[in-house]
Amino acid sequence: MQAEEPQDASFSYQPLHDGDRFDLGGTTLTALALPGHSAGSMVFVDVDRHLGFTGDSWLP
């Protein structure tokens, strides 16, 4: 199943790279590559709160 592109022309996807940081409004996350699991896997780390966020999917 192919994901549909957003209909709003003012929106565009931006690639994330290892070490990129972004502000969520009071919380800054750092994107870290997680090679070896699957292509393009990333983990997002909140260094200040000592939290990591990742996800996975399972398809039958």
PDB file of N, CA and C in Angstrom:
ATOM      1  N   MET A   1       0.843  -1.170   0.000  1.00  0.00           N
ATOM      2  CA  MET A   1       0.000   0.000   0.000  1.00  0.00           C
ATOM      3  C   MET A   1       0.892   1.238   0.000  1.00  0.00           C
ATOM      4  N   GLN A   2       0.663   2.116  -0.911  1.00  0.00           N
ATOM      5  CA  GLN A   2       1.456   3.334  -1.065  1.00  0.00           C
ATOM      6  C   GLN A   2       0.820   4.455  -0.263  1.00  0.00           C
ATOM      7  N   ALA A   3       1.626   5.191   0.514  1.00  0.00           N
ATOM      8  CA  ALA A   3       1.117   6.334   1.271  1.00  0.00           C
ATOM      9  C   ALA A   3       0.766   7.460   0.307  1.00  0.00           C
ATOM     10  N   GLU A   4      -0.305   8.143   0.594  1.00  0.00           N
ATOM     11  CA  GLU A   4      -0.722   9.263  -0.241  1.00  0.00           C
ATOM     12  C   GLU A   4       0.016  10.521   0.182  1.00  0.00           C
ATOM     13  N   GLU A   5       0.323  11.363  -0.780  1.00  0.00           N
ATOM     14  CA  GLU A   5       0.957  12.647  -0.503  1.00  0.00           C
ATOM     15  C   GLU A   5      -0.073  13.573   0.130  1.00  0.00           C
ATOM     16  N   PRO A   6       0.365  14.442   1.045  1.00  0.00           N
ATOM     17  CA  PRO A   6      -0.575  15.413   1.627  1.00  0.00           C
ATOM     18  C   PRO A   6      -1.174  16.307   0.544  1.00  0.00           C
ATOM     19  N   GLN A   7      -2.424  16.712   0.722  1.00  0.00           N
ATOM     20  CA  GLN A   7      -3.106  17.562  -0.242  1.00  0.00           C
ATOM     21  C   GLN A   7      -2.708  19.030  -0.098  1.00  0.00           C
ATOM     22  N   ASP A   8      -2.222  19.415   1.077  1.00  0.00           N
ATOM     23  CA  ASP A   8      -1.837  20.800   1.340  1.00  0.00           C
ATOM     24  C   ASP A   8      -0.496  21.090   0.679  1.00  0.00           C
ATOM     25  N   ALA A   9      -0.489  21.968  -0.316  1.00  0.00           N
ATOM     26  CA  ALA A   9       0.727  22.265  -1.071  1.00  0.00           C
ATOM     27  C   ALA A   9       1.777  22.969  -0.232  1.00  0.00           C
ATOM     28  N   SER A  10       1.408  23.544   0.928  1.00  0.00           N
ATOM     29  CA  SER A  10       2.383  24.236   1.771  1.00  0.00           C
ATOM     30  C   SER A  10       3.171  23.267   2.657  1.00  0.00           C
ATOM     31  N   PHE A  11       2.800  22.002   2.648  1.00  0.00           N
ATOM     32  CA  PHE A  11       3.453  20.989   3.468  1.00  0.00           C
ATOM     33  C   PHE A  11       4.456  20.219   2.627  1.00  0.00           C
ATOM     34  N   SER A  12       5.628  19.970   3.176  1.00  0.00           N
ATOM     35  CA  SER A  12       6.588  19.105   2.489  1.00  0.00           C
ATOM     36  C   SER A  12       7.351  18.282   3.512  1.00  0.00           C
ATOM     37  N   TYR A  13       7.631  17.046   3.163  1.00  0.00           N
ATOM     38  CA  TYR A  13       8.415  16.178   4.025  1.00  0.00           C
ATOM     39  C   TYR A  13       9.870  16.616   3.985  1.00  0.00           C
ATOM     40  N   GLN A  14      10.540  16.524   5.122  1.00  0.00           N
ATOM     41  CA  GLN A  14      11.958  16.841   5.205  1.00  0.00           C
ATOM     42  C   GLN A  14      12.685  15.592   5.694  1.00  0.00           C
ATOM     43  N   PRO A  15      13.757  15.190   5.044  1.00  0.00           N
ATOM     44  CA  PRO A  15      14.478  13.994   5.486  1.00  0.00           C
ATOM     45  C   PRO A  15      15.163  14.228   6.829  1.00  0.00           C
ATOM     46  N   LEU A  16      15.233  13.184   7.628  1.00  0.00           N
ATOM     47  CA  LEU A  16      15.964  13.224   8.894  1.00  0.00           C
ATOM     48  C   LEU A  16      17.281  12.494   8.711  1.00  0.00           C
ATOM     49  N   HIS A  17      18.305  13.018   9.336  1.00  0.00           N
ATOM     50  CA  HIS A  17      19.620  12.407   9.270  1.00  0.00           C
ATOM     51  C   HIS A  17      20.149  12.192  10.681  1.00  0.00           C
ATOM     52  N   ASP A  18      21.057  11.256  10.816  1.00  0.00           N
ATOM     53  CA  ASP A  18      21.680  10.967  12.096  1.00  0.00           C
ATOM     54  C   ASP A  18      22.218  12.258  12.714  1.00  0.00           C
ATOM     55  N   GLY A  19      21.804  12.552  13.935  1.00  0.00           N
ATOM     56  CA  GLY A  19      22.276  13.733  14.643  1.00  0.00           C
ATOM     57  C   GLY A  19      21.397  14.964  14.495  1.00  0.00           C
ATOM     58  N   ASP A  20      20.405  14.922  13.608  1.00  0.00           N
ATOM     59  CA  ASP A  20      19.502  16.069  13.467  1.00  0.00           C
ATOM     60  C   ASP A  20      18.748  16.297  14.777  1.00  0.00           C
ATOM     61  N   ARG A  21      18.521  17.558  15.089  1.00  0.00           N
ATOM     62  CA  ARG A  21      17.767  17.923  16.288  1.00  0.00           C
ATOM     63  C   ARG A  21      16.571  18.764  15.872  1.00  0.00           C
ATOM     64  N   PHE A  22      15.453  18.577  16.576  1.00  0.00           N
ATOM     65  CA  PHE A  22      14.291  19.407  16.285  1.00  0.00           C
ATOM     66  C   PHE A  22      13.525  19.700  17.562  1.00  0.00           C
ATOM     67  N   ASP A  23      12.962  20.897  17.607  1.00  0.00           N
ATOM     68  CA  ASP A  23      12.263  21.405  18.780  1.00  0.00           C
ATOM     69  C   ASP A  23      10.770  21.146  18.628  1.00  0.00           C
ATOM     70  N   LEU A  24      10.188  20.533  19.649  1.00  0.00           N
ATOM     71  CA  LEU A  24       8.753  20.261  19.651  1.00  0.00           C
ATOM     72  C   LEU A  24       8.003  21.263  20.524  1.00  0.00           C
ATOM     73  N   GLY A  25       8.637  22.384  20.820  1.00  0.00           N
ATOM     74  CA  GLY A  25       8.003  23.379  21.672  1.00  0.00           C
ATOM     75  C   GLY A  25       8.299  23.113  23.131  1.00  0.00           C
ATOM     76  N   GLY A  26       9.532  23.233  23.515  1.00  0.00           N
ATOM     77  CA  GLY A  26       9.927  22.984  24.901  1.00  0.00           C
ATOM     78  C   GLY A  26      10.626  21.651  25.102  1.00  0.00           C
ATOM     79  N   THR A  27      10.580  20.797  24.122  1.00  0.00           N
ATOM     80  CA  THR A  27      11.276  19.509  24.162  1.00  0.00           C
ATOM     81  C   THR A  27      12.069  19.373  22.872  1.00  0.00           C
ATOM     82  N   THR A  28      13.352  19.102  23.003  1.00  0.00           N
ATOM     83  CA  THR A  28      14.199  18.910  21.829  1.00  0.00           C
ATOM     84  C   THR A  28      14.542  17.437  21.705  1.00  0.00           C
ATOM     85  N   LEU A  29      14.309  16.889  20.523  1.00  0.00           N
ATOM     86  CA  LEU A  29      14.661  15.495  20.247  1.00  0.00           C
ATOM     87  C   LEU A  29      15.824  15.449  19.275  1.00  0.00           C
ATOM     88  N   THR A  30      16.673  14.449  19.464  1.00  0.00           N
ATOM     89  CA  THR A  30      17.782  14.189  18.565  1.00  0.00           C
ATOM     90  C   THR A  30      17.499  12.890  17.833  1.00  0.00           C
ATOM     91  N   ALA A  31      17.581  12.916  16.519  1.00  0.00           N
ATOM     92  CA  ALA A  31      17.367  11.726  15.690  1.00  0.00           C
ATOM     93  C   ALA A  31      18.694  10.977  15.562  1.00  0.00           C
ATOM     94  N   LEU A  32      18.675   9.696  15.850  1.00  0.00           N
ATOM     95  CA  LEU A  32      19.868   8.861  15.735  1.00  0.00           C
ATOM     96  C   LEU A  32      19.570   7.663  14.858  1.00  0.00           C
ATOM     97  N   ALA A  33      20.456   7.404  13.910  1.00  0.00           N
ATOM     98  CA  ALA A  33      20.300   6.240  13.038  1.00  0.00           C
ATOM     99  C   ALA A  33      20.421   4.968  13.867  1.00  0.00           C
ATOM    100  N   LEU A  34      19.650   3.966  13.516  1.00  0.00           N
ATOM    101  CA  LEU A  34      19.654   2.682  14.207  1.00  0.00           C
ATOM    102  C   LEU A  34      19.938   1.590  13.180  1.00  0.00           C
ATOM    103  N   PRO A  35      21.162   1.627  12.592  1.00  0.00           N
ATOM    104  CA  PRO A  35      21.472   0.670  11.531  1.00  0.00           C
ATOM    105  C   PRO A  35      21.498  -0.770  12.049  1.00  0.00           C
ATOM    106  N   GLY A  36      21.212  -1.669  11.159  1.00  0.00           N
ATOM    107  CA  GLY A  36      21.257  -3.076  11.517  1.00  0.00           C
ATOM    108  C   GLY A  36      19.891  -3.657  11.812  1.00  0.00           C
ATOM    109  N   HIS A  37      18.926  -2.832  12.165  1.00  0.00           N
ATOM    110  CA  HIS A  37      17.585  -3.343  12.424  1.00  0.00           C
ATOM    111  C   HIS A  37      16.833  -3.470  11.099  1.00  0.00           C
ATOM    112  N   SER A  38      16.598  -2.356  10.462  1.00  0.00           N
ATOM    113  CA  SER A  38      16.028  -2.342   9.124  1.00  0.00           C
ATOM    114  C   SER A  38      16.401  -1.020   8.469  1.00  0.00           C
ATOM    115  N   ALA A  39      16.332  -0.979   7.169  1.00  0.00           N
ATOM    116  CA  ALA A  39      16.745   0.213   6.429  1.00  0.00           C
ATOM    117  C   ALA A  39      15.981   1.450   6.898  1.00  0.00           C
ATOM    118  N   GLY A  40      16.704   2.500   7.224  1.00  0.00           N
ATOM    119  CA  GLY A  40      16.093   3.757   7.618  1.00  0.00           C
ATOM    120  C   GLY A  40      15.613   3.844   9.044  1.00  0.00           C
ATOM    121  N   SER A  41      15.877   2.829   9.869  1.00  0.00           N
ATOM    122  CA  SER A  41      15.416   2.863  11.263  1.00  0.00           C
ATOM    123  C   SER A  41      16.077   3.999  12.027  1.00  0.00           C
ATOM    124  N   MET A  42      15.284   4.661  12.867  1.00  0.00           N
ATOM    125  CA  MET A  42      15.762   5.774  13.679  1.00  0.00           C
ATOM    126  C   MET A  42      15.240   5.611  15.100  1.00  0.00           C
ATOM    127  N   VAL A  43      15.959   6.205  16.039  1.00  0.00           N
ATOM    128  CA  VAL A  43      15.490   6.358  17.409  1.00  0.00           C
ATOM    129  C   VAL A  43      15.562   7.850  17.703  1.00  0.00           C
ATOM    130  N   PHE A  44      14.629   8.337  18.496  1.00  0.00           N
ATOM    131  CA  PHE A  44      14.581   9.754  18.838  1.00  0.00           C
ATOM    132  C   PHE A  44      14.826   9.886  20.328  1.00  0.00           C
ATOM    133  N   VAL A  45      15.803  10.707  20.705  1.00  0.00           N
ATOM    134  CA  VAL A  45      16.253  10.786  22.093  1.00  0.00           C
ATOM    135  C   VAL A  45      16.001  12.182  22.645  1.00  0.00           C
ATOM    136  N   ASP A  46      15.371  12.220  23.821  1.00  0.00           N
ATOM    137  CA  ASP A  46      15.234  13.444  24.604  1.00  0.00           C
ATOM    138  C   ASP A  46      16.333  13.378  25.659  1.00  0.00           C
ATOM    139  N   VAL A  47      17.452  14.012  25.372  1.00  0.00           N
ATOM    140  CA  VAL A  47      18.636  13.927  26.239  1.00  0.00           C
ATOM    141  C   VAL A  47      18.345  14.503  27.618  1.00  0.00           C
ATOM    142  N   ASP A  48      17.612  15.614  27.684  1.00  0.00           N
ATOM    143  CA  ASP A  48      17.324  16.271  28.961  1.00  0.00           C
ATOM    144  C   ASP A  48      16.520  15.393  29.905  1.00  0.00           C
ATOM    145  N   ARG A  49      15.613  14.599  29.370  1.00  0.00           N
ATOM    146  CA  ARG A  49      14.734  13.756  30.205  1.00  0.00           C
ATOM    147  C   ARG A  49      15.164  12.289  30.221  1.00  0.00           C
ATOM    148  N   HIS A  50      16.258  11.972  29.534  1.00  0.00           N
ATOM    149  CA  HIS A  50      16.769  10.594  29.479  1.00  0.00           C
ATOM    150  C   HIS A  50      15.720   9.630  28.930  1.00  0.00           C
ATOM    151  N   LEU A  51      15.083  10.036  27.814  1.00  0.00           N
ATOM    152  CA  LEU A  51      14.061   9.211  27.188  1.00  0.00           C
ATOM    153  C   LEU A  51      14.437   8.906  25.750  1.00  0.00           C
ATOM    154  N   GLY A  52      14.062   7.721  25.298  1.00  0.00           N
ATOM    155  CA  GLY A  52      14.239   7.338  23.907  1.00  0.00           C
ATOM    156  C   GLY A  52      12.911   6.893  23.338  1.00  0.00           C
ATOM    157  N   PHE A  53      12.672   7.224  22.079  1.00  0.00           N
ATOM    158  CA  PHE A  53      11.412   6.873  21.417  1.00  0.00           C
ATOM    159  C   PHE A  53      11.741   6.139  20.114  1.00  0.00           C
ATOM    160  N   THR A  54      11.122   5.001  19.958  1.00  0.00           N
ATOM    161  CA  THR A  54      11.300   4.244  18.732  1.00  0.00           C
ATOM    162  C   THR A  54      10.004   3.473  18.471  1.00  0.00           C
ATOM    163  N   GLY A  55       9.931   2.865  17.359  1.00  0.00           N
ATOM    164  CA  GLY A  55       8.735   2.105  17.037  1.00  0.00           C
ATOM    165  C   GLY A  55       9.075   1.010  16.048  1.00  0.00           C
ATOM    166  N   ASP A  56       8.135   0.148  15.855  1.00  0.00           N
ATOM    167  CA  ASP A  56       8.306  -0.946  14.920  1.00  0.00           C
ATOM    168  C   ASP A  56       6.930  -1.322  14.415  1.00  0.00           C
ATOM    169  N   SER A  57       6.907  -2.093  13.389  1.00  0.00           N
ATOM    170  CA  SER A  57       5.628  -2.567  12.880  1.00  0.00           C
ATOM    171  C   SER A  57       5.721  -4.070  12.630  1.00  0.00           C
ATOM    172  N   TRP A  58       4.592  -4.690  12.638  1.00  0.00           N
ATOM    173  CA  TRP A  58       4.528  -6.123  12.388  1.00  0.00           C
ATOM    174  C   TRP A  58       3.409  -6.340  11.390  1.00  0.00           C
ATOM    175  N   LEU A  59       3.773  -6.956  10.298  1.00  0.00           N
ATOM    176  CA  LEU A  59       2.791  -7.245   9.260  1.00  0.00           C
ATOM    177  C   LEU A  59       2.663  -8.738   9.095  1.00  0.00           C
ATOM    178  N   PRO A  60       1.427  -9.238   9.065  1.00  0.00           N
ATOM    179  CA  PRO A  60       1.244 -10.694   8.928  1.00  0.00           C
ATOM    180  C   PRO A  60       1.655 -11.202   7.563  1.00  0.00           C
TER     181      PRO A  60
END
